[in-house]
Amino acid sequence: MYRAAFLAFGLYMVLSGGGLLFVDDVALNARISSKASPVLQWMGSSDESGRCHLQPPEWVPFTLIGVGIVTMLYSVALPRE
């Protein structure tokens, strides 16, 4: 059970990091942008229409891919139950 969970989590992180490699800006809709979140304020900025735009730093995709690969390797090393 743990092997599958770690493998799925690692794969999710690798795919998320791979997706962020090709994205420079993520525009959120007005419903989510209206919520006050410290993470949105730290990583994003608002435009004149009130929509929040997230600009992830350049190191985030590489970090997600690296941590995801290490997690997937860890899941392979776990003993079978």
C-alpha atoms as a PDB file:
ATOM      1  CA  MET A   1       0.000   0.000   0.000  1.00  0.00           C
ATOM      2  CA  TYR A   2       2.786   2.437   0.870  1.00  0.00           C
ATOM      3  CA  ARG A   3       4.641   1.656  -2.348  1.00  0.00           C
ATOM      4  CA  ALA A   4       1.678   2.652  -4.476  1.00  0.00           C
ATOM      5  CA  ALA A   5       1.055   5.815  -2.471  1.00  0.00           C
ATOM      6  CA  PHE A   6       4.680   6.967  -2.698  1.00  0.00           C
ATOM      7  CA  LEU A   7       4.851   6.098  -6.387  1.00  0.00           C
ATOM      8  CA  ALA A   8       1.638   8.019  -7.127  1.00  0.00           C
ATOM      9  CA  PHE A   9       2.783  11.035  -5.109  1.00  0.00           C
ATOM     10  CA  GLY A  10       6.177  11.046  -6.821  1.00  0.00           C
ATOM     11  CA  LEU A  11       4.607  10.746 -10.257  1.00  0.00           C
ATOM     12  CA  TYR A  12       2.247  13.617  -9.450  1.00  0.00           C
ATOM     13  CA  MET A  13       5.191  15.808  -8.451  1.00  0.00           C
ATOM     14  CA  VAL A  14       7.168  14.927 -11.588  1.00  0.00           C
ATOM     15  CA  LEU A  15       4.187  15.685 -13.826  1.00  0.00           C
ATOM     16  CA  SER A  16       3.455  18.945 -11.994  1.00  0.00           C
ATOM     17  CA  GLY A  17       7.062  20.052 -12.337  1.00  0.00           C
ATOM     18  CA  GLY A  18       7.098  19.070 -16.004  1.00  0.00           C
ATOM     19  CA  GLY A  19       3.990  21.137 -16.594  1.00  0.00           C
ATOM     20  CA  LEU A  20       5.508  24.151 -14.871  1.00  0.00           C
ATOM     21  CA  LEU A  21       8.555  23.941 -17.160  1.00  0.00           C
ATOM     22  CA  PHE A  22       6.400  25.234 -20.004  1.00  0.00           C
ATOM     23  CA  VAL A  23       4.320  27.792 -18.070  1.00  0.00           C
ATOM     24  CA  ASP A  24       5.461  31.331 -17.306  1.00  0.00           C
ATOM     25  CA  ASP A  25       2.222  32.673 -15.867  1.00  0.00           C
ATOM     26  CA  VAL A  26      -0.876  31.071 -14.348  1.00  0.00           C
ATOM     27  CA  ALA A  27      -4.023  33.239 -14.313  1.00  0.00           C
ATOM     28  CA  LEU A  28      -6.601  32.309 -11.670  1.00  0.00           C
ATOM     29  CA  ASN A  29     -10.295  33.036 -12.042  1.00  0.00           C
ATOM     30  CA  ALA A  30     -12.065  35.764 -10.079  1.00  0.00           C
ATOM     31  CA  ARG A  31     -13.610  33.387  -7.494  1.00  0.00           C
ATOM     32  CA  ILE A  32     -10.253  32.035  -6.363  1.00  0.00           C
ATOM     33  CA  SER A  33      -8.499  35.402  -6.724  1.00  0.00           C
ATOM     34  CA  SER A  34     -10.965  37.039  -4.328  1.00  0.00           C
ATOM     35  CA  LYS A  35      -9.874  34.797  -1.437  1.00  0.00           C
ATOM     36  CA  ALA A  36      -7.128  36.336   0.693  1.00  0.00           C
ATOM     37  CA  SER A  37      -4.293  33.820   0.804  1.00  0.00           C
ATOM     38  CA  PRO A  38      -0.723  34.562   1.903  1.00  0.00           C
ATOM     39  CA  VAL A  39       0.607  32.131  -0.713  1.00  0.00           C
ATOM     40  CA  LEU A  40      -1.218  33.921  -3.530  1.00  0.00           C
ATOM     41  CA  GLN A  41       0.047  37.273  -2.297  1.00  0.00           C
ATOM     42  CA  TRP A  42       3.625  35.954  -2.021  1.00  0.00           C
ATOM     43  CA  MET A  43       3.844  34.246  -5.421  1.00  0.00           C
ATOM     44  CA  GLY A  44       1.438  36.334  -7.458  1.00  0.00           C
ATOM     45  CA  SER A  45       0.231  39.725  -8.484  1.00  0.00           C
ATOM     46  CA  SER A  46      -3.162  41.154  -9.380  1.00  0.00           C
ATOM     47  CA  ASP A  47      -4.144  42.866 -12.603  1.00  0.00           C
ATOM     48  CA  GLU A  48      -6.679  45.653 -13.147  1.00  0.00           C
ATOM     49  CA  SER A  49      -9.603  43.196 -13.387  1.00  0.00           C
ATOM     50  CA  GLY A  50      -8.761  41.671  -9.974  1.00  0.00           C
ATOM     51  CA  ARG A  51      -7.499  38.338 -11.295  1.00  0.00           C
ATOM     52  CA  CYS A  52      -4.450  36.895  -9.610  1.00  0.00           C
ATOM     53  CA  HIS A  53      -1.478  35.848 -11.748  1.00  0.00           C
ATOM     54  CA  LEU A  54       1.058  33.397 -10.357  1.00  0.00           C
ATOM     55  CA  GLN A  55       4.607  33.549 -11.651  1.00  0.00           C
ATOM     56  CA  PRO A  56       6.451  30.572 -10.172  1.00  0.00           C
ATOM     57  CA  PRO A  57      10.203  31.044  -9.711  1.00  0.00           C
ATOM     58  CA  GLU A  58      12.480  29.260 -12.174  1.00  0.00           C
ATOM     59  CA  TRP A  59      13.718  26.769  -9.576  1.00  0.00           C
ATOM     60  CA  VAL A  60      10.251  25.364  -8.725  1.00  0.00           C
ATOM     61  CA  PRO A  61       9.858  22.988 -11.730  1.00  0.00           C
ATOM     62  CA  PHE A  62      13.318  21.499 -11.265  1.00  0.00           C
ATOM     63  CA  THR A  63      12.746  21.053  -7.534  1.00  0.00           C
ATOM     64  CA  LEU A  64       9.408  19.315  -8.083  1.00  0.00           C
ATOM     65  CA  ILE A  65      10.892  17.005 -10.701  1.00  0.00           C
ATOM     66  CA  GLY A  66      13.891  16.149  -8.517  1.00  0.00           C
ATOM     67  CA  VAL A  67      11.890  15.487  -5.369  1.00  0.00           C
ATOM     68  CA  GLY A  68       9.358  13.467  -7.365  1.00  0.00           C
ATOM     69  CA  ILE A  69      12.061  11.265  -8.886  1.00  0.00           C
ATOM     70  CA  VAL A  70      13.647  10.654  -5.491  1.00  0.00           C
ATOM     71  CA  THR A  71      10.226   9.768  -4.044  1.00  0.00           C
ATOM     72  CA  MET A  72       9.557   7.323  -6.886  1.00  0.00           C
ATOM     73  CA  LEU A  73      12.975   5.711  -6.363  1.00  0.00           C
ATOM     74  CA  TYR A  74      12.194   5.416  -2.664  1.00  0.00           C
ATOM     75  CA  SER A  75       8.919   3.681  -3.464  1.00  0.00           C
ATOM     76  CA  VAL A  76      10.782   1.094  -5.554  1.00  0.00           C
ATOM     77  CA  ALA A  77      13.182   0.460  -2.652  1.00  0.00           C
ATOM     78  CA  LEU A  78      10.393  -0.202  -0.131  1.00  0.00           C
ATOM     79  CA  PRO A  79       9.836  -3.868   0.700  1.00  0.00           C
ATOM     80  CA  ARG A  80       6.737  -5.540  -0.684  1.00  0.00           C
ATOM     81  CA  GLU A  81       4.063  -6.245   1.883  1.00  0.00           C
END
